[in-house]
Protein backbone atom coordinates (compact mmCIF):
# COMPACT_ATOMS: atom_id res chain seq x y z
CA MET A 1 10.73 -14.57 -24.87
CA PRO A 2 11.29 -10.82 -25.06
CA ARG A 3 11.48 -8.63 -22.05
CA ARG A 4 8.60 -5.99 -21.85
CA VAL A 5 9.25 -2.51 -20.87
CA GLY A 6 6.52 -0.77 -18.90
CA VAL A 7 5.71 1.96 -16.33
CA GLY A 8 3.83 1.68 -13.21
CA LEU A 9 2.07 4.70 -11.67
CA THR A 10 0.67 4.90 -8.10
CA ALA A 11 0.23 7.45 -5.34
CA GLY A 12 -0.23 7.16 -1.67
CA PRO A 13 -3.02 8.69 0.48
CA SER A 14 -0.86 11.55 1.53
CA LEU A 15 -1.53 13.12 -1.95
CA ALA A 16 2.14 14.40 -1.98
CA THR A 17 3.58 12.57 -5.01
CA ILE A 18 2.90 10.44 -8.11
CA ASP A 19 5.39 7.53 -7.90
CA ALA A 20 6.57 6.32 -11.34
CA ALA A 21 8.66 3.18 -11.96
CA LEU A 22 10.23 2.13 -15.26
CA VAL A 23 10.60 -1.69 -15.24
CA GLU A 24 11.46 -4.56 -17.44
CA ILE A 25 9.43 -7.73 -17.13
CA ASP A 26 10.75 -11.09 -18.32
CA PRO A 27 8.19 -13.85 -18.35
CA ASN A 28 10.84 -16.54 -18.76
CA PRO A 29 10.31 -19.07 -15.95
CA ILE A 30 14.07 -19.79 -15.69
CA ARG A 31 14.64 -16.19 -14.54
CA LEU A 32 14.29 -16.14 -10.80
CA LYS A 33 13.46 -12.39 -10.67
CA PRO A 34 11.06 -11.57 -13.42
CA VAL A 35 10.76 -7.77 -12.65
CA GLU A 36 13.72 -5.44 -12.78
CA LEU A 37 13.52 -1.82 -11.81
CA ILE A 38 15.24 0.50 -14.33
CA GLU A 39 14.30 3.90 -12.90
CA PHE A 40 12.11 5.29 -10.12
CA LEU A 41 10.94 8.85 -9.73
CA PRO A 42 8.51 10.35 -7.15
CA ILE A 43 6.94 13.28 -9.00
CA ALA A 44 5.59 16.08 -6.69
CA ILE A 45 2.03 16.91 -6.95
CA PRO A 46 1.61 20.77 -7.06
CA PRO A 47 0.33 22.11 -3.69
CA ASP A 48 -2.80 23.70 -5.19
CA LEU A 49 -3.80 20.30 -6.68
CA GLN A 50 -3.03 18.53 -3.39
CA THR A 51 -5.38 21.04 -1.67
CA ARG A 52 -8.18 20.45 -4.20
CA LEU A 53 -7.91 16.60 -3.92
CA ALA A 54 -7.92 16.80 -0.22
CA ALA A 55 -10.99 19.01 -0.23
CA VAL A 56 -12.86 16.46 -2.40
CA ALA A 57 -11.76 13.59 0.00
CA SER A 58 -12.84 15.54 3.10
CA GLY A 59 -16.18 16.68 1.58
CA ARG A 60 -15.34 20.35 2.04
CA ASP A 61 -15.98 21.10 -1.62
CA PRO A 62 -19.16 20.17 -3.54
CA THR A 63 -18.35 17.24 -5.87
CA THR A 64 -19.93 17.93 -9.24
CA ALA A 65 -19.41 16.16 -12.52
CA ALA A 66 -17.62 19.14 -13.86
CA ALA A 67 -15.19 19.34 -10.97
CA MET A 68 -14.43 15.71 -11.00
CA SER A 69 -13.86 15.67 -14.76
CA GLU A 70 -11.43 18.60 -14.34
CA LEU A 71 -9.48 16.81 -11.64
CA ASP A 72 -9.50 13.68 -13.71
CA ALA A 73 -7.99 15.37 -16.67
CA GLU A 74 -5.39 17.36 -14.67
CA VAL A 75 -4.13 14.45 -12.87
CA GLY A 76 -4.07 12.36 -16.02
CA LYS A 77 -1.84 15.10 -17.64
CA LEU A 78 0.42 15.04 -14.63
CA MET A 79 0.76 11.24 -14.88
CA ALA A 80 1.57 11.45 -18.45
CA ASP A 81 4.29 13.78 -17.74
CA ALA A 82 5.54 11.42 -14.93
CA VAL A 83 5.87 8.66 -17.57
CA ARG A 84 7.87 10.88 -19.86
CA LYS A 85 10.35 11.82 -17.04
CA VAL A 86 10.86 8.35 -15.67
CA ALA A 87 11.23 6.83 -19.11
CA GLY A 88 13.44 9.43 -20.55
CA ALA A 89 15.28 8.32 -23.54
CA ARG A 90 13.53 4.88 -23.43
CA LEU A 91 10.05 6.49 -23.78
CA GLY A 92 9.73 4.83 -27.32
CA GLU A 93 10.36 1.29 -25.74
CA VAL A 94 7.41 1.56 -23.23
CA GLU A 95 4.80 -0.93 -24.45
CA PHE A 96 2.33 -0.52 -21.52
CA ILE A 97 1.45 1.58 -18.41
CA GLY A 98 -0.21 0.25 -15.32
CA SER A 99 -1.87 3.13 -13.51
CA CYS A 100 -3.57 2.91 -10.15
CA GLY A 101 -4.38 6.55 -10.24
CA ILE A 102 -4.69 8.69 -7.13
CA PRO A 103 -7.07 6.91 -4.81
CA ILE A 104 -9.35 9.06 -2.66
CA ARG A 105 -12.29 8.02 -0.52
CA VAL A 106 -15.00 10.39 -1.27
CA ALA A 107 -16.70 11.68 1.95
CA SER A 108 -20.30 10.49 2.70
CA THR A 109 -23.08 12.89 1.86
CA SER A 110 -26.03 10.34 1.81
CA SER A 111 -26.19 6.69 2.20
CA SER A 112 -25.97 4.65 -1.08
CA SER A 113 -27.87 1.50 -1.80
CA SER A 114 -26.32 -1.59 -0.32
CA SER A 115 -27.03 -3.50 -3.52
CA SER A 116 -24.78 -1.32 -5.64
CA SER A 117 -21.53 -2.86 -6.84
CA GLU A 118 -18.23 -1.08 -6.13
CA GLU A 119 -17.87 -0.44 -9.86
CA GLU A 120 -21.30 1.33 -9.98
CA LYS A 121 -20.37 3.37 -6.86
CA GLU A 122 -17.10 4.48 -8.43
CA SER A 123 -18.69 5.33 -11.79
CA LYS A 124 -21.44 7.33 -10.05
CA ALA A 125 -19.01 9.06 -7.70
CA LYS A 126 -16.82 10.17 -10.73
CA ALA A 127 -19.99 11.50 -12.39
CA GLY A 128 -20.76 13.58 -9.36
CA ASP A 129 -23.72 11.36 -8.24
CA GLU A 130 -23.93 12.01 -4.47
CA SER A 131 -26.01 8.93 -3.95
CA ALA A 132 -22.91 6.86 -4.23
CA MET A 133 -20.71 8.93 -1.97
CA ALA A 134 -20.95 6.91 1.17
CA SER A 135 -17.91 4.67 0.76
CA ALA A 136 -16.75 4.94 -2.80
CA VAL A 137 -12.98 4.94 -3.37
CA ILE A 138 -12.38 6.59 -6.73
CA ARG A 139 -9.09 6.74 -8.59
CA ILE A 140 -8.38 10.05 -10.18
CA GLY A 141 -6.25 10.12 -13.44
CA ASP A 142 -7.74 10.05 -16.93
CA ALA A 143 -6.35 6.94 -18.42
CA ARG A 144 -7.98 7.37 -21.83
CA ALA A 145 -6.45 10.75 -22.35
CA MET A 146 -3.07 9.30 -21.22
CA ALA A 147 -3.17 6.61 -23.77
CA GLU A 148 -3.93 9.11 -26.52
CA ASP A 149 -1.27 11.49 -25.35
CA LEU A 150 1.51 8.86 -24.99
CA LYS A 151 0.24 6.64 -27.77
CA THR A 152 0.80 3.71 -25.43
CA CYS A 153 -1.62 1.17 -23.97
CA VAL A 154 -2.77 2.03 -20.38
CA VAL A 155 -4.32 -0.37 -17.95
CA SER A 156 -6.20 1.43 -15.13
CA ASN A 157 -9.40 1.49 -12.97
CA PHE A 158 -8.48 -1.79 -11.28
CA LYS A 159 -11.57 -3.11 -9.47
CA GLU A 160 -10.29 -4.46 -6.18
CA ASP A 161 -9.31 -2.74 -3.03
CA ASP A 162 -5.47 -2.07 -2.64
CA SER A 163 -4.80 -4.87 -0.05
CA TYR A 164 -6.21 -7.40 -2.73
CA LEU A 165 -4.88 -5.53 -5.64
CA PHE A 166 -1.22 -5.57 -4.71
CA SER A 167 -1.08 -9.06 -3.25
CA THR A 168 -1.25 -10.47 -6.78
CA ALA A 169 1.70 -8.32 -7.80
CA ASP A 170 3.56 -9.39 -4.61
CA ALA A 171 3.49 -12.95 -5.77
CA VAL A 172 5.42 -11.94 -8.84
CA LEU A 173 7.79 -9.33 -7.35
CA PHE A 174 8.94 -11.74 -4.55
CA ARG A 175 8.88 -15.11 -6.22
CA HIS A 176 12.73 -15.21 -6.43
CA LEU A 177 12.77 -15.26 -2.64
CA LEU A 178 10.67 -18.45 -2.44
CA ASP A 179 13.11 -20.07 -4.87
CA GLU A 180 16.01 -19.03 -2.72
CA THR A 181 14.50 -20.00 0.52
CA HIS A 182 13.36 -23.53 -0.14
CA THR A 183 14.72 -26.53 -2.00
CA VAL A 184 13.07 -28.07 -5.03
CA GLU A 185 12.12 -31.02 -2.77
CA TRP A 186 10.30 -28.68 -0.49
CA HIS A 187 8.19 -27.30 -3.46
CA ARG A 188 7.11 -30.87 -4.36
CA LYS A 189 5.59 -31.47 -0.90
CA PRO A 190 1.88 -31.94 -0.85
CA ASP A 191 1.28 -28.92 1.39
CA ALA A 192 3.68 -26.54 -0.36
CA ASP A 193 0.72 -24.81 -2.06
CA THR A 194 -1.31 -24.42 1.16
CA LYS A 195 1.45 -23.51 3.87
CA CYS A 196 2.78 -19.98 4.20
CA GLY A 197 6.25 -19.62 2.92
CA LEU A 198 6.62 -15.82 2.94
CA VAL A 199 4.78 -12.87 4.39
CA VAL A 200 4.99 -9.38 2.74
CA VAL A 201 3.82 -6.37 4.74
CA HIS A 202 3.63 -3.07 2.98
CA VAL A 203 3.63 -0.34 5.65
CA GLY A 204 2.17 2.69 4.03
CA ALA A 205 -0.78 4.50 5.56
CA MET A 206 -2.11 1.08 6.49
CA GLY A 207 -0.16 -2.13 7.16
CA SER A 208 -1.19 -4.36 4.31
CA MET A 209 -0.26 -7.92 4.62
CA THR A 210 0.12 -10.66 1.98
CA ALA A 211 0.91 -14.35 2.84
CA LEU A 212 2.34 -16.30 -0.03
CA SER A 213 2.64 -20.14 -0.17
CA GLY A 214 5.66 -21.89 -1.08
CA THR A 215 4.60 -22.15 -4.70
CA GLY A 216 3.83 -18.35 -4.83
CA ARG A 217 0.10 -18.58 -4.37
CA VAL A 218 -1.66 -15.75 -2.37
CA LEU A 219 -3.08 -17.44 0.69
CA LYS A 220 -4.39 -14.25 2.50
CA SER A 221 -4.31 -10.58 1.81
CA PHE A 222 -5.71 -7.95 4.26
CA ASP A 223 -4.96 -4.73 6.26
CA CYS A 224 -3.67 -5.63 9.63
CA GLY A 225 -4.06 -2.12 11.06
CA PRO A 226 -2.58 1.42 10.85
CA GLY A 227 0.83 1.61 9.29
CA ASN A 228 2.23 5.15 9.13
CA ALA A 229 -1.22 6.97 9.14
CA VAL A 230 -1.40 7.68 12.76
CA MET A 231 2.28 8.47 13.28
CA ASP A 232 2.27 10.80 10.27
CA LEU A 233 -0.85 12.72 11.37
CA ILE A 234 0.62 13.18 14.89
CA VAL A 235 3.91 14.56 13.46
CA ARG A 236 2.26 16.86 10.85
CA ASN A 237 -0.18 18.26 13.38
CA ALA A 238 1.86 18.20 16.55
CA ASP A 239 1.35 21.89 17.21
CA LYS A 240 -2.36 21.68 16.68
CA LEU A 241 -2.47 18.74 19.04
CA GLY A 242 -0.42 20.57 21.69
CA LEU A 243 2.60 18.25 21.54
CA LYS A 244 6.10 19.39 22.10
CA PRO A 245 9.45 17.55 22.18
CA LYS A 246 10.13 15.38 25.27
CA ASP A 247 13.56 17.03 25.51
CA GLN A 248 12.76 20.63 26.02
CA LYS A 249 16.29 21.49 24.88
CA ASP A 250 15.52 20.20 21.39
CA GLU A 251 14.81 23.56 19.90
CA ALA A 252 15.37 22.38 16.29
CA LEU A 253 12.54 19.75 16.57
CA ALA A 254 10.33 22.24 18.47
CA GLU A 255 10.77 24.71 15.59
CA LYS A 256 9.94 22.09 12.90
CA LEU A 257 6.82 21.05 14.85
CA LYS A 258 5.68 24.58 15.26
CA LYS A 259 6.04 25.31 11.47
CA GLY A 260 4.39 22.07 10.61
CA SER A 261 7.28 21.21 8.23
CA LEU A 262 7.66 17.65 9.11
CA VAL A 263 5.58 15.09 7.13
CA CYS A 264 6.71 11.92 8.89
CA ASP A 265 9.01 10.55 11.64
CA GLU A 266 11.98 10.22 9.42
CA ASP A 267 14.05 7.08 10.26
CA GLY A 268 11.99 6.75 13.53
CA LYS A 269 14.12 9.45 15.25
CA ILE A 270 11.10 11.00 17.08
CA ALA A 271 9.92 7.69 18.33
CA LYS A 272 13.39 6.72 19.38
CA GLY A 273 13.44 9.67 21.78
CA GLY A 274 10.23 8.47 23.48
CA GLU A 275 8.79 5.48 25.38
CA VAL A 276 5.54 3.54 25.23
CA TYR A 277 2.75 4.73 27.41
CA HIS A 278 0.75 1.61 28.25
CA GLY A 279 -1.56 3.09 30.83
CA ARG A 280 -3.43 0.99 33.43
CA THR A 281 -6.98 1.40 32.49
CA ARG A 282 -9.23 0.83 29.42
CA ASP A 283 -8.88 4.48 28.75
CA ALA A 284 -5.15 3.98 27.80
CA PRO A 285 -4.26 4.91 24.20
CA ILE A 286 -3.48 1.37 22.94
CA ASP A 287 -6.47 -0.18 24.64
CA PHE A 288 -8.59 2.55 22.90
CA ALA A 289 -6.86 1.77 19.48
CA TRP A 290 -7.77 -1.99 19.80
CA SER A 291 -11.42 -1.11 20.61
CA VAL A 292 -12.25 0.61 17.27
CA PRO A 293 -14.63 -1.18 14.77
CA PHE A 294 -11.86 -2.10 12.39
CA PHE A 295 -10.61 -4.79 14.59
CA LYS A 296 -14.06 -6.30 14.92
CA ARG A 297 -13.96 -7.03 11.17
CA THR A 298 -12.22 -10.29 10.28
CA PRO A 299 -9.94 -10.46 7.22
CA PRO A 300 -10.25 -9.82 4.38
CA ARG A 301 -10.65 -6.16 5.52
CA THR A 302 -9.40 -2.77 4.35
CA GLY A 303 -8.48 0.10 6.62
CA THR A 304 -9.44 3.73 5.70
CA ASP A 305 -9.29 7.24 6.94
CA GLU A 306 -12.61 6.57 8.61
CA ASP A 307 -10.88 3.99 10.82
CA PHE A 308 -7.49 5.62 11.48
CA GLY A 309 -7.77 9.24 10.36
CA TRP A 310 -7.92 12.61 12.08
CA GLU A 311 -10.76 11.90 14.45
CA PHE A 312 -9.04 8.69 15.66
CA THR A 313 -5.74 10.49 16.07
CA LYS A 314 -7.24 13.27 18.17
CA GLU A 315 -8.88 10.71 20.44
CA PHE A 316 -5.76 8.57 20.69
CA VAL A 317 -3.64 11.60 21.72
CA SER A 318 -6.26 12.75 24.35
CA ARG A 319 -5.76 9.46 26.16
CA PHE A 320 -2.17 10.55 27.35
CA PRO A 321 -1.62 12.03 30.76
CA ALA A 322 0.34 15.26 31.00
CA GLU A 323 3.60 13.59 31.90
CA HIS A 324 3.51 11.50 28.69
CA LYS A 325 1.85 14.10 26.43
CA ASN A 326 4.87 14.91 24.31
CA VAL A 327 5.44 14.14 20.63
CA ASN A 328 8.17 11.52 21.37
CA ASP A 329 6.11 9.35 23.67
CA VAL A 330 2.95 9.73 21.59
CA VAL A 331 4.65 8.76 18.33
CA HIS A 332 6.47 5.88 20.12
CA THR A 333 3.16 4.61 21.34
CA ALA A 334 1.53 4.77 17.99
CA MET A 335 4.55 2.94 16.54
CA GLU A 336 4.15 0.20 19.19
CA HIS A 337 0.59 -0.21 18.28
CA ALA A 338 1.50 -0.47 14.56
CA ALA A 339 4.07 -3.19 15.32
CA LEU A 340 1.60 -5.18 17.47
CA CYS A 341 -0.92 -4.92 14.63
CA ILE A 342 1.68 -6.62 12.31
CA MET A 343 2.49 -9.29 14.77
CA GLU A 344 -1.16 -9.95 15.61
CA GLY A 345 -2.01 -10.30 11.91
CA ILE A 346 0.75 -12.86 11.46
CA ALA A 347 -0.20 -14.84 14.60
CA SER A 348 -3.87 -14.76 14.25
CA TYR A 349 -4.61 -14.76 10.55
CA VAL A 350 -1.49 -16.11 8.75
CA GLY A 351 -0.34 -18.75 11.26
CA ALA A 352 2.94 -20.53 10.97
CA VAL A 353 5.49 -19.18 8.54
CA ARG A 354 7.67 -22.02 7.13
CA GLY A 355 10.82 -22.44 9.16
CA SER A 356 9.57 -20.01 12.00
CA GLY A 357 10.62 -22.60 14.59
CA ASP A 358 7.13 -23.36 16.00
CA GLY A 359 7.31 -27.15 15.30
CA ARG A 360 4.52 -27.03 12.70
CA GLY A 361 6.67 -27.77 9.58
CA GLY A 362 9.53 -26.40 7.42
CA HIS A 363 13.07 -27.49 7.25
CA SER A 364 15.20 -27.37 10.29
CA GLY A 365 17.65 -24.43 10.03
CA ASN A 366 15.30 -22.48 7.64
CA THR A 367 14.17 -19.15 8.66
CA GLY A 368 10.60 -17.79 8.21
CA ARG A 369 10.77 -14.51 6.38
CA VAL A 370 8.70 -11.44 6.82
CA LEU A 371 9.43 -8.52 4.31
CA ILE A 372 8.57 -4.97 5.11
CA SER A 373 8.18 -2.55 2.31
CA GLY A 374 6.88 1.07 2.04
CA GLY A 375 7.74 4.05 4.28
CA GLY A 376 7.69 1.74 7.36
CA SER A 377 10.87 -0.06 6.08
CA ARG A 378 12.74 3.20 6.55
CA ASN A 379 11.48 3.59 10.24
CA TRP A 380 14.36 1.87 12.07
CA ALA A 381 12.58 2.15 15.39
CA LEU A 382 9.59 0.22 13.97
CA MET A 383 11.99 -2.40 12.32
CA ASN A 384 13.82 -2.94 15.56
CA ARG A 385 10.62 -3.35 17.47
CA LEU A 386 9.31 -5.88 15.06
CA LYS A 387 12.57 -7.86 15.36
CA SER A 388 12.29 -7.88 19.16
CA LEU A 389 8.63 -8.95 19.05
CA GLY A 390 9.22 -11.75 16.60
CA TRP A 391 9.52 -15.33 17.83
CA LYS A 392 12.32 -17.71 17.33
CA ASN A 393 13.68 -17.83 13.77
CA LEU A 394 11.26 -15.40 12.38
CA ARG A 395 13.38 -12.89 10.34
CA PHE A 396 12.27 -9.43 9.55
CA GLU A 397 13.94 -7.80 6.46
CA THR A 398 13.20 -4.84 4.28
CA SER A 399 12.21 -5.50 0.62
CA GLY A 400 15.20 -3.36 -0.30
CA GLU A 401 17.47 -5.91 1.35
CA CYS A 402 15.94 -8.55 -0.75
CA GLY A 403 16.26 -6.80 -4.16
CA VAL A 404 13.03 -4.77 -4.40
CA ARG A 405 13.44 -1.15 -3.62
CA ALA A 406 11.16 -0.35 -0.77
CA ASP A 407 9.85 3.14 -1.94
CA ALA A 408 9.43 1.90 -5.45
CA LYS A 409 7.55 -1.37 -4.59
CA GLN A 410 4.05 -0.15 -5.12
CA ALA A 411 4.74 1.57 -8.33
CA MET A 412 6.59 -1.60 -9.54
CA ALA A 413 3.50 -3.52 -8.52
CA ALA A 414 1.25 -1.26 -10.63
CA ALA A 415 3.28 -2.00 -13.64
CA VAL A 416 3.02 -5.78 -12.82
CA LEU A 417 -0.76 -5.57 -12.47
CA GLY A 418 -0.91 -3.95 -15.97
CA TYR A 419 1.27 -6.76 -17.43
CA LEU A 420 -0.93 -9.42 -15.73
CA ALA A 421 -4.04 -7.95 -17.12
CA LEU A 422 -2.65 -7.88 -20.58
CA SER A 423 -1.42 -11.53 -20.34
CA GLY A 424 -4.70 -12.89 -18.92
CA ALA A 425 -3.04 -14.15 -15.67
CA ALA A 426 -4.89 -15.23 -12.62
CA GLY A 427 -5.80 -12.96 -9.72
CA ALA A 428 -5.02 -13.36 -6.08
CA GLY A 429 -8.00 -15.74 -5.53
CA GLY A 430 -6.72 -18.05 -8.26
CA GLU A 431 -9.36 -17.24 -10.88
CA ARG A 432 -8.74 -15.87 -14.41
CA VAL A 433 -8.69 -12.13 -14.46
CA GLY A 434 -12.11 -10.79 -14.87
CA ASP A 435 -13.74 -14.23 -14.22
CA GLY A 436 -13.69 -14.07 -10.42
CA ASP A 437 -16.27 -13.84 -7.73
CA GLY A 438 -14.68 -10.92 -5.92
CA GLY A 439 -11.86 -12.96 -4.51
CA GLY A 440 -8.98 -10.94 -5.94
CA GLY A 441 -9.10 -10.58 -9.61
CA VAL A 442 -7.11 -7.77 -10.84
CA LEU A 443 -8.81 -6.92 -14.20
CA GLY A 444 -8.70 -3.25 -15.06
CA GLU A 445 -9.82 -1.25 -18.05
CA VAL A 446 -7.57 -1.22 -21.09
CA PHE A 447 -7.16 2.05 -22.99
CA THR A 448 -5.32 2.36 -26.32
CA ALA A 449 -4.66 5.23 -28.61
CA GLY A 450 -7.31 5.53 -31.32
CA GLY A 451 -9.04 2.26 -30.14
CA ALA A 452 -6.08 0.14 -31.47
CA PRO A 453 -5.88 -3.44 -30.36
CA ALA A 454 -4.27 -3.94 -27.00
CA PRO A 455 -0.95 -5.88 -26.87
CA VAL A 456 -1.09 -9.47 -25.62
CA PHE A 457 1.83 -10.63 -23.35
CA GLU A 458 3.13 -13.90 -22.43
CA PRO A 459 2.11 -15.05 -19.04
CA ILE A 460 4.69 -15.03 -16.18
CA LYS A 461 5.21 -18.66 -15.27
């Protein structure tokens, strides 16, 4: 069967870049790793466009049909340019594009009808209908114009929330690890399709967790809590929050915080210089973090800026006493909570990972694997803390260590989703794409130049 060349496009909630991945997908079941990354490029979103997107998300600017159309077209053109840059000389080989657009949660202006479907809310929101603004997540980026511009099939406007959307792609991206970890005999066991064999946690703004069975079926997919969101907000707004370095002699860090030039805690260096403040009352930061409504919702659940955004961050920081109110201790404490959320997600909602040494199954000598991708995988303070929290024989690794580049993983997943839609594959809930009951189908809209027939690909087996 021929390998298919495609491009995946996605962007994080930081609104800083469009991530583009050029991939080859081989549906041949003999091939352990069906998706190969050829090239990856994060394309910077111009500052003025970032500002306008942020204004729409925050509700500062009125959202009219004309304004949304203009944004949609501008981002679509930027994404088309990203495809050209990442494909380079191989642009003519690109057969499809999977685009997740730039997701933004439109701020509430009036309550929407509870009976409206998510698709209806998104359609109304893009048209500037304020009756749908309460909780609609819209994806900016004109896929139709992109298809006409590039003369290539574009799959976009996926219908599910990110935590469900990307879980289906995880089952494809990491299938080679299931084959490496377990023997053929293990796969033939009656419970191989129901017991967790691998956990993938994407630590972006949120910590999104996917539990895969030994046969690669998605068992659970949900957001376990804040990933980098709170830490990034603290670092970016340290001066506004009144936070200075713990080490008063660290003038270089003090200057960066004052200028607001840092966007994240690179490599976990800020957290490494601090300590966790646990506190002794219910007013302590971590106790406050556990009390928010997000943790009262059982999976499947999706975290948003409404759960762990600026208002949450301000309240979190206000819980620190003067002796601990420095950027290092505050970031370290936020990192501790993020790590605890991941462990709580595994323990409470995923259960035993095969080979994790808890006596509930798996081969003796096998090690339960938890893969960390996204920006969190480059935070060595977070990685080390997860390893120290893990129980016997539970191994934490970065996706990069296992053959899937951590910063490119979501863009690769977008390409996989496009391929799956064009091959009629099943969604996360096991149903055919588009035939599901909301349990994880990944069907998106397919756009082709001039209304030409969409390509039909072989299923990945």
